[in-house]
PDB file of N, CA and C in Angstrom:
ATOM      1  N   MET A   1     155.352 103.774  59.311  1.00  0.00           N
ATOM      2  CA  MET A   1     156.122 104.255  58.186  1.00  0.00           C
ATOM      3  C   MET A   1     155.949 103.295  57.020  1.00  0.00           C
ATOM      4  N   HIS A   2     156.122 103.833  55.821  1.00  0.00           N
ATOM      5  CA  HIS A   2     156.023 103.024  54.612  1.00  0.00           C
ATOM      6  C   HIS A   2     156.747 103.740  53.469  1.00  0.00           C
ATOM      7  N   ILE A   3     156.949 103.017  52.378  1.00  0.00           N
ATOM      8  CA  ILE A   3     157.578 103.592  51.189  1.00  0.00           C
ATOM      9  C   ILE A   3     156.605 104.578  50.558  1.00  0.00           C
ATOM     10  N   VAL A   4     157.112 105.716  50.105  1.00  0.00           N
ATOM     11  CA  VAL A   4     156.241 106.660  49.410  1.00  0.00           C
ATOM     12  C   VAL A   4     155.650 105.970  48.186  1.00  0.00           C
ATOM     13  N   PRO A   5     154.436 106.303  47.814  1.00  0.00           N
ATOM     14  CA  PRO A   5     153.813 105.658  46.658  1.00  0.00           C
ATOM     15  C   PRO A   5     154.588 105.934  45.369  1.00  0.00           C
ATOM     16  N   GLY A   6     154.475 105.008  44.438  1.00  0.00           N
ATOM     17  CA  GLY A   6     155.025 105.247  43.114  1.00  0.00           C
ATOM     18  C   GLY A   6     156.273 104.456  42.772  1.00  0.00           C
ATOM     19  N   PHE A   7     156.560 103.399  43.511  1.00  0.00           N
ATOM     20  CA  PHE A   7     157.712 102.567  43.204  1.00  0.00           C
ATOM     21  C   PHE A   7     157.259 101.145  42.924  1.00  0.00           C
ATOM     22  N   PHE A   8     157.907 100.505  41.991  1.00  0.00           N
ATOM     23  CA  PHE A   8     157.692  99.081  41.811  1.00  0.00           C
ATOM     24  C   PHE A   8     159.046  98.397  41.709  1.00  0.00           C
ATOM     25  N   VAL A   9     159.086  97.148  42.135  1.00  0.00           N
ATOM     26  CA  VAL A   9     160.332  96.396  42.208  1.00  0.00           C
ATOM     27  C   VAL A   9     160.382  95.410  41.052  1.00  0.00           C
ATOM     28  N   ARG A  10     161.531  95.368  40.393  1.00  0.00           N
ATOM     29  CA  ARG A  10     161.740  94.453  39.277  1.00  0.00           C
ATOM     30  C   ARG A  10     163.112  93.811  39.396  1.00  0.00           C
ATOM     31  N   GLU A  11     163.218  92.599  38.865  1.00  0.00           N
ATOM     32  CA  GLU A  11     164.508  91.926  38.719  1.00  0.00           C
ATOM     33  C   GLU A  11     165.000  92.228  37.307  1.00  0.00           C
ATOM     34  N   ILE A  12     166.165  92.854  37.209  1.00  0.00           N
ATOM     35  CA  ILE A  12     166.744  93.207  35.916  1.00  0.00           C
ATOM     36  C   ILE A  12     168.194  92.738  35.908  1.00  0.00           C
ATOM     37  N   ALA A  13     168.505  91.840  35.004  1.00  0.00           N
ATOM     38  CA  ALA A  13     169.869  91.320  34.865  1.00  0.00           C
ATOM     39  C   ALA A  13     170.430  90.830  36.201  1.00  0.00           C
ATOM     40  N   GLY A  14     169.598  90.128  36.966  1.00  0.00           N
ATOM     41  CA  GLY A  14     170.037  89.581  38.235  1.00  0.00           C
ATOM     42  C   GLY A  14     170.080  90.567  39.385  1.00  0.00           C
ATOM     43  N   GLU A  15     169.698  91.806  39.139  1.00  0.00           N
ATOM     44  CA  GLU A  15     169.678  92.846  40.176  1.00  0.00           C
ATOM     45  C   GLU A  15     168.234  93.163  40.550  1.00  0.00           C
ATOM     46  N   THR A  16     168.002  93.424  41.816  1.00  0.00           N
ATOM     47  CA  THR A  16     166.684  93.878  42.262  1.00  0.00           C
ATOM     48  C   THR A  16     166.701  95.397  42.263  1.00  0.00           C
ATOM     49  N   ILE A  17     165.777  95.978  41.504  1.00  0.00           N
ATOM     50  CA  ILE A  17     165.737  97.420  41.291  1.00  0.00           C
ATOM     51  C   ILE A  17     164.355  97.959  41.666  1.00  0.00           C
ATOM     52  N   ALA A  18     164.335  99.069  42.411  1.00  0.00           N
ATOM     53  CA  ALA A  18     163.094  99.806  42.649  1.00  0.00           C
ATOM     54  C   ALA A  18     163.062 100.947  41.644  1.00  0.00           C
ATOM     55  N   ILE A  19     161.997 100.991  40.881  1.00  0.00           N
ATOM     56  CA  ILE A  19     161.871 101.974  39.810  1.00  0.00           C
ATOM     57  C   ILE A  19     160.757 102.951  40.159  1.00  0.00           C
ATOM     58  N   PRO A  20     161.061 104.249  40.180  1.00  0.00           N
ATOM     59  CA  PRO A  20     160.008 105.225  40.469  1.00  0.00           C
ATOM     60  C   PRO A  20     159.105 105.426  39.253  1.00  0.00           C
ATOM     61  N   SER A  21     157.838 105.667  39.526  1.00  0.00           N
ATOM     62  CA  SER A  21     156.896 105.989  38.454  1.00  0.00           C
ATOM     63  C   SER A  21     155.979 107.110  38.927  1.00  0.00           C
ATOM     64  N   GLY A  22     155.266 107.707  38.009  1.00  0.00           N
ATOM     65  CA  GLY A  22     154.347 108.783  38.365  1.00  0.00           C
ATOM     66  C   GLY A  22     155.050 109.926  39.060  1.00  0.00           C
ATOM     67  N   GLN A  23     154.456 110.417  40.151  1.00  0.00           N
ATOM     68  CA  GLN A  23     155.021 111.540  40.903  1.00  0.00           C
ATOM     69  C   GLN A  23     156.393 111.202  41.485  1.00  0.00           C
ATOM     70  N   ALA A  24     156.591 109.938  41.855  1.00  0.00           N
ATOM     71  CA  ALA A  24     157.885 109.546  42.431  1.00  0.00           C
ATOM     72  C   ALA A  24     159.010 109.756  41.431  1.00  0.00           C
ATOM     73  N   ALA A  25     158.734 109.577  40.154  1.00  0.00           N
ATOM     74  CA  ALA A  25     159.762 109.761  39.125  1.00  0.00           C
ATOM     75  C   ALA A  25     160.177 111.227  39.011  1.00  0.00           C
ATOM     76  N   HIS A  26     159.304 112.133  39.412  1.00  0.00           N
ATOM     77  CA  HIS A  26     159.635 113.557  39.380  1.00  0.00           C
ATOM     78  C   HIS A  26     160.520 113.959  40.568  1.00  0.00           C
ATOM     79  N   ARG A  27     160.367 113.230  41.684  1.00  0.00           N
ATOM     80  CA  ARG A  27     161.144 113.537  42.892  1.00  0.00           C
ATOM     81  C   ARG A  27     162.484 112.812  42.927  1.00  0.00           C
ATOM     82  N   ILE A  28     162.521 111.626  42.368  1.00  0.00           N
ATOM     83  CA  ILE A  28     163.701 110.764  42.461  1.00  0.00           C
ATOM     84  C   ILE A  28     164.281 110.564  41.072  1.00  0.00           C
ATOM     85  N   SER A  29     165.551 110.877  40.919  1.00  0.00           N
ATOM     86  CA  SER A  29     166.187 110.601  39.632  1.00  0.00           C
ATOM     87  C   SER A  29     167.026 109.347  39.780  1.00  0.00           C
ATOM     88  N   GLY A  30     166.823 108.418  38.896  1.00  0.00           N
ATOM     89  CA  GLY A  30     167.596 107.180  38.933  1.00  0.00           C
ATOM     90  C   GLY A  30     166.816 106.033  39.521  1.00  0.00           C
ATOM     91  N   LEU A  31     167.516 104.921  39.661  1.00  0.00           N
ATOM     92  CA  LEU A  31     166.938 103.692  40.181  1.00  0.00           C
ATOM     93  C   LEU A  31     167.576 103.384  41.528  1.00  0.00           C
ATOM     94  N   VAL A  32     166.921 102.526  42.293  1.00  0.00           N
ATOM     95  CA  VAL A  32     167.454 102.124  43.585  1.00  0.00           C
ATOM     96  C   VAL A  32     167.676 100.618  43.526  1.00  0.00           C
ATOM     97  N   ALA A  33     168.912 100.174  43.742  1.00  0.00           N
ATOM     98  CA  ALA A  33     169.243  98.746  43.709  1.00  0.00           C
ATOM     99  C   ALA A  33     169.324  98.204  45.132  1.00  0.00           C
ATOM    100  N   PHE A  34     168.890  96.955  45.308  1.00  0.00           N
ATOM    101  CA  PHE A  34     168.870  96.316  46.621  1.00  0.00           C
ATOM    102  C   PHE A  34     169.541  94.959  46.592  1.00  0.00           C
ATOM    103  N   ASN A  35     170.104  94.578  47.733  1.00  0.00           N
ATOM    104  CA  ASN A  35     170.486  93.192  47.930  1.00  0.00           C
ATOM    105  C   ASN A  35     169.238  92.449  48.406  1.00  0.00           C
ATOM    106  N   ASP A  36     169.354  91.170  48.723  1.00  0.00           N
ATOM    107  CA  ASP A  36     168.178  90.385  49.122  1.00  0.00           C
ATOM    108  C   ASP A  36     167.500  90.925  50.374  1.00  0.00           C
ATOM    109  N   THR A  37     168.295  91.341  51.341  1.00  0.00           N
ATOM    110  CA  THR A  37     167.736  91.878  52.572  1.00  0.00           C
ATOM    111  C   THR A  37     167.018  93.200  52.316  1.00  0.00           C
ATOM    112  N   GLY A  38     167.632  94.057  51.513  1.00  0.00           N
ATOM    113  CA  GLY A  38     167.002  95.327  51.166  1.00  0.00           C
ATOM    114  C   GLY A  38     165.694  95.127  50.429  1.00  0.00           C
ATOM    115  N   LYS A  39     165.686  94.168  49.510  1.00  0.00           N
ATOM    116  CA  LYS A  39     164.452  93.852  48.772  1.00  0.00           C
ATOM    117  C   LYS A  39     163.366  93.397  49.739  1.00  0.00           C
ATOM    118  N   PHE A  40     163.727  92.525  50.664  1.00  0.00           N
ATOM    119  CA  PHE A  40     162.784  92.016  51.652  1.00  0.00           C
ATOM    120  C   PHE A  40     162.178  93.161  52.463  1.00  0.00           C
ATOM    121  N   LEU A  41     163.030  94.041  52.977  1.00  0.00           N
ATOM    122  CA  LEU A  41     162.549  95.161  53.786  1.00  0.00           C
ATOM    123  C   LEU A  41     161.731  96.148  52.960  1.00  0.00           C
ATOM    124  N   PHE A  42     162.180  96.432  51.736  1.00  0.00           N
ATOM    125  CA  PHE A  42     161.461  97.354  50.862  1.00  0.00           C
ATOM    126  C   PHE A  42     160.056  96.829  50.581  1.00  0.00           C
ATOM    127  N   GLU A  43     159.948  95.535  50.334  1.00  0.00           N
ATOM    128  CA  GLU A  43     158.632  94.948  50.063  1.00  0.00           C
ATOM    129  C   GLU A  43     157.738  94.998  51.294  1.00  0.00           C
ATOM    130  N   LEU A  44     158.307  94.763  52.476  1.00  0.00           N
ATOM    131  CA  LEU A  44     157.511  94.893  53.701  1.00  0.00           C
ATOM    132  C   LEU A  44     157.001  96.320  53.867  1.00  0.00           C
ATOM    133  N   LEU A  45     157.821  97.271  53.492  1.00  0.00           N
ATOM    134  CA  LEU A  45     157.467  98.688  53.657  1.00  0.00           C
ATOM    135  C   LEU A  45     156.449  99.185  52.635  1.00  0.00           C
ATOM    136  N   GLN A  46     155.951  98.300  51.792  1.00  0.00           N
ATOM    137  CA  GLN A  46     154.848  98.675  50.912  1.00  0.00           C
ATOM    138  C   GLN A  46     153.569  98.858  51.728  1.00  0.00           C
ATOM    139  N   THR A  47     153.564  98.273  52.932  1.00  0.00           N
ATOM    140  CA  THR A  47     152.472  98.475  53.880  1.00  0.00           C
ATOM    141  C   THR A  47     153.058  99.102  55.142  1.00  0.00           C
ATOM    142  N   GLU A  48     152.216  99.645  55.962  1.00  0.00           N
ATOM    143  CA  GLU A  48     152.650 100.327  57.187  1.00  0.00           C
ATOM    144  C   GLU A  48     153.422  99.365  58.092  1.00  0.00           C
ATOM    145  N   GLN A  49     154.596  99.806  58.547  1.00  0.00           N
ATOM    146  CA  GLN A  49     155.463  99.005  59.407  1.00  0.00           C
ATOM    147  C   GLN A  49     156.034  99.889  60.509  1.00  0.00           C
ATOM    148  N   THR A  50     156.515  99.237  61.534  1.00  0.00           N
ATOM    149  CA  THR A  50     157.307  99.914  62.553  1.00  0.00           C
ATOM    150  C   THR A  50     158.725  99.375  62.457  1.00  0.00           C
ATOM    151  N   GLU A  51     159.651 100.079  63.060  1.00  0.00           N
ATOM    152  CA  GLU A  51     161.027  99.573  63.063  1.00  0.00           C
ATOM    153  C   GLU A  51     161.073  98.213  63.758  1.00  0.00           C
ATOM    154  N   GLU A  52     160.299  98.069  64.804  1.00  0.00           N
ATOM    155  CA  GLU A  52     160.265  96.814  65.550  1.00  0.00           C
ATOM    156  C   GLU A  52     159.721  95.673  64.694  1.00  0.00           C
ATOM    157  N   SER A  53     158.689  95.929  63.902  1.00  0.00           N
ATOM    158  CA  SER A  53     158.134  94.868  63.058  1.00  0.00           C
ATOM    159  C   SER A  53     159.130  94.445  61.980  1.00  0.00           C
ATOM    160  N   LEU A  54     159.909  95.406  61.472  1.00  0.00           N
ATOM    161  CA  LEU A  54     160.924  95.075  60.469  1.00  0.00           C
ATOM    162  C   LEU A  54     162.046  94.246  61.081  1.00  0.00           C
ATOM    163  N   VAL A  55     162.473  94.622  62.289  1.00  0.00           N
ATOM    164  CA  VAL A  55     163.520  93.862  62.981  1.00  0.00           C
ATOM    165  C   VAL A  55     163.050  92.433  63.232  1.00  0.00           C
ATOM    166  N   SER A  56     161.838  92.296  63.712  1.00  0.00           N
ATOM    167  CA  SER A  56     161.286  90.969  63.994  1.00  0.00           C
ATOM    168  C   SER A  56     161.204  90.119  62.722  1.00  0.00           C
ATOM    169  N   ALA A  57     160.714  90.712  61.645  1.00  0.00           N
ATOM    170  CA  ALA A  57     160.603  89.977  60.375  1.00  0.00           C
ATOM    171  C   ALA A  57     161.978  89.566  59.860  1.00  0.00           C
ATOM    172  N   LEU A  58     162.948  90.442  59.989  1.00  0.00           N
ATOM    173  CA  LEU A  58     164.311  90.131  59.535  1.00  0.00           C
ATOM    174  C   LEU A  58     164.897  88.980  60.361  1.00  0.00           C
ATOM    175  N   MET A  59     164.675  89.010  61.670  1.00  0.00           N
ATOM    176  CA  MET A  59     165.173  87.940  62.527  1.00  0.00           C
ATOM    177  C   MET A  59     164.518  86.609  62.178  1.00  0.00           C
ATOM    178  N   ASP A  60     163.217  86.628  61.937  1.00  0.00           N
ATOM    179  CA  ASP A  60     162.493  85.394  61.619  1.00  0.00           C
ATOM    180  C   ASP A  60     162.891  84.821  60.263  1.00  0.00           C
ATOM    181  N   THR A  61     163.061  85.684  59.281  1.00  0.00           N
ATOM    182  CA  THR A  61     163.311  85.227  57.916  1.00  0.00           C
ATOM    183  C   THR A  61     164.763  84.856  57.672  1.00  0.00           C
ATOM    184  N   TYR A  62     165.678  85.638  58.232  1.00  0.00           N
ATOM    185  CA  TYR A  62     167.097  85.428  57.940  1.00  0.00           C
ATOM    186  C   TYR A  62     167.870  84.805  59.103  1.00  0.00           C
ATOM    187  N   ASP A  63     167.182  84.459  60.183  1.00  0.00           N
ATOM    188  CA  ASP A  63     167.808  83.800  61.319  1.00  0.00           C
ATOM    189  C   ASP A  63     169.052  84.543  61.798  1.00  0.00           C
ATOM    190  N   VAL A  64     168.886  85.849  62.021  1.00  0.00           N
ATOM    191  CA  VAL A  64     169.967  86.677  62.561  1.00  0.00           C
ATOM    192  C   VAL A  64     169.584  87.111  63.970  1.00  0.00           C
ATOM    193  N   ASP A  65     170.578  87.500  64.752  1.00  0.00           N
ATOM    194  CA  ASP A  65     170.314  87.921  66.119  1.00  0.00           C
ATOM    195  C   ASP A  65     169.732  89.338  66.131  1.00  0.00           C
ATOM    196  N   PHE A  66     169.187  89.717  67.282  1.00  0.00           N
ATOM    197  CA  PHE A  66     168.520  91.006  67.431  1.00  0.00           C
ATOM    198  C   PHE A  66     169.446  92.170  67.104  1.00  0.00           C
ATOM    199  N   THR A  67     170.669  92.148  67.615  1.00  0.00           N
ATOM    200  CA  THR A  67     171.602  93.260  67.417  1.00  0.00           C
ATOM    201  C   THR A  67     171.905  93.468  65.940  1.00  0.00           C
ATOM    202  N   THR A  68     172.137  92.386  65.216  1.00  0.00           N
ATOM    203  CA  THR A  68     172.418  92.469  63.778  1.00  0.00           C
ATOM    204  C   THR A  68     171.204  92.975  63.018  1.00  0.00           C
ATOM    205  N   ALA A  69     170.038  92.413  63.323  1.00  0.00           N
ATOM    206  CA  ALA A  69     168.805  92.822  62.637  1.00  0.00           C
ATOM    207  C   ALA A  69     168.504  94.293  62.895  1.00  0.00           C
ATOM    208  N   GLN A  70     168.645  94.727  64.135  1.00  0.00           N
ATOM    209  CA  GLN A  70     168.364  96.119  64.472  1.00  0.00           C
ATOM    210  C   GLN A  70     169.318  97.062  63.742  1.00  0.00           C
ATOM    211  N   ALA A  71     170.596  96.721  63.692  1.00  0.00           N
ATOM    212  CA  ALA A  71     171.575  97.560  62.998  1.00  0.00           C
ATOM    213  C   ALA A  71     171.280  97.625  61.509  1.00  0.00           C
ATOM    214  N   ASP A  72     170.942  96.487  60.907  1.00  0.00           N
ATOM    215  CA  ASP A  72     170.638  96.450  59.474  1.00  0.00           C
ATOM    216  C   ASP A  72     169.391  97.263  59.141  1.00  0.00           C
ATOM    217  N   VAL A  73     168.349  97.112  59.945  1.00  0.00           N
ATOM    218  CA  VAL A  73     167.109  97.855  59.712  1.00  0.00           C
ATOM    219  C   VAL A  73     167.349  99.351  59.892  1.00  0.00           C
ATOM    220  N   SER A  74     168.060  99.721  60.926  1.00  0.00           N
ATOM    221  CA  SER A  74     168.352 101.133  61.174  1.00  0.00           C
ATOM    222  C   SER A  74     169.124 101.747  60.009  1.00  0.00           C
ATOM    223  N   GLU A  75     170.127 101.049  59.521  1.00  0.00           N
ATOM    224  CA  GLU A  75     170.913 101.549  58.388  1.00  0.00           C
ATOM    225  C   GLU A  75     170.050 101.677  57.135  1.00  0.00           C
ATOM    226  N   PHE A  76     169.205 100.684  56.887  1.00  0.00           N
ATOM    227  CA  PHE A  76     168.341 100.709  55.707  1.00  0.00           C
ATOM    228  C   PHE A  76     167.343 101.865  55.785  1.00  0.00           C
ATOM    229  N   LEU A  77     166.730 102.058  56.939  1.00  0.00           N
ATOM    230  CA  LEU A  77     165.765 103.147  57.095  1.00  0.00           C
ATOM    231  C   LEU A  77     166.436 104.509  56.943  1.00  0.00           C
ATOM    232  N   THR A  78     167.644 104.639  57.450  1.00  0.00           N
ATOM    233  CA  THR A  78     168.386 105.890  57.295  1.00  0.00           C
ATOM    234  C   THR A  78     168.635 106.186  55.821  1.00  0.00           C
ATOM    235  N   LEU A  79     169.035 105.188  55.058  1.00  0.00           N
ATOM    236  CA  LEU A  79     169.256 105.378  53.625  1.00  0.00           C
ATOM    237  C   LEU A  79     167.962 105.775  52.911  1.00  0.00           C
ATOM    238  N   LEU A  80     166.863 105.118  53.259  1.00  0.00           N
ATOM    239  CA  LEU A  80     165.578 105.467  52.645  1.00  0.00           C
ATOM    240  C   LEU A  80     165.195 106.906  52.976  1.00  0.00           C
ATOM    241  N   GLN A  81     165.398 107.319  54.216  1.00  0.00           N
ATOM    242  CA  GLN A  81     165.074 108.687  54.621  1.00  0.00           C
ATOM    243  C   GLN A  81     165.956 109.699  53.894  1.00  0.00           C
ATOM    244  N   GLU A  82     167.235 109.399  53.766  1.00  0.00           N
ATOM    245  CA  GLU A  82     168.150 110.305  53.072  1.00  0.00           C
ATOM    246  C   GLU A  82     167.758 110.514  51.610  1.00  0.00           C
ATOM    247  N   HIS A  83     167.148 109.492  51.013  1.00  0.00           N
ATOM    248  CA  HIS A  83     166.741 109.583  49.610  1.00  0.00           C
ATOM    249  C   HIS A  83     165.252 109.906  49.453  1.00  0.00           C
ATOM    250  N   HIS A  84     164.619 110.279  50.562  1.00  0.00           N
ATOM    251  CA  HIS A  84     163.209 110.710  50.554  1.00  0.00           C
ATOM    252  C   HIS A  84     162.274 109.623  50.030  1.00  0.00           C
ATOM    253  N   LEU A  85     162.549 108.390  50.392  1.00  0.00           N
ATOM    254  CA  LEU A  85     161.716 107.274  49.949  1.00  0.00           C
ATOM    255  C   LEU A  85     160.764 106.789  51.038  1.00  0.00           C
ATOM    256  N   LEU A  86     160.883 107.334  52.230  1.00  0.00           N
ATOM    257  CA  LEU A  86     160.111 106.851  53.354  1.00  0.00           C
ATOM    258  C   LEU A  86     159.088 107.878  53.799  1.00  0.00           C
ATOM    259  N   ALA A  87     157.836 107.427  53.886  1.00  0.00           N
ATOM    260  CA  ALA A  87     156.753 108.274  54.404  1.00  0.00           C
ATOM    261  C   ALA A  87     156.496 107.872  55.843  1.00  0.00           C
ATOM    262  N   ASP A  88     156.236 108.819  56.671  1.00  0.00           N
ATOM    263  CA  ASP A  88     156.029 108.553  58.088  1.00  0.00           C
ATOM    264  C   ASP A  88     154.726 109.209  58.536  1.00  0.00           C
ATOM    265  N   ASP A  89     153.597 108.594  58.125  1.00  0.00           N
ATOM    266  CA  ASP A  89     152.314 109.196  58.521  1.00  0.00           C
ATOM    267  C   ASP A  89     151.371 108.238  59.146  1.00  0.00           C
TER     268      ASP A  89
END
């Protein structure tokens, strides 16, 4: 899975924002704001990832336990899917 093409991440006024461009701007109205963990996961998802690889990366980078990392990744992926930001091919 990965983020659908057409998004770039910018820091604006201290906020991390994913901004749609091109075709993505036609499908998505508005901007997507992230906390540090969301930004980290979103950037990883610019390339093909599995849920397991995201959990592992989150555990390594943020020194959290497996249960916390798995819950955070699952919640983040659900939000991305609900907003049609995740491609699964």
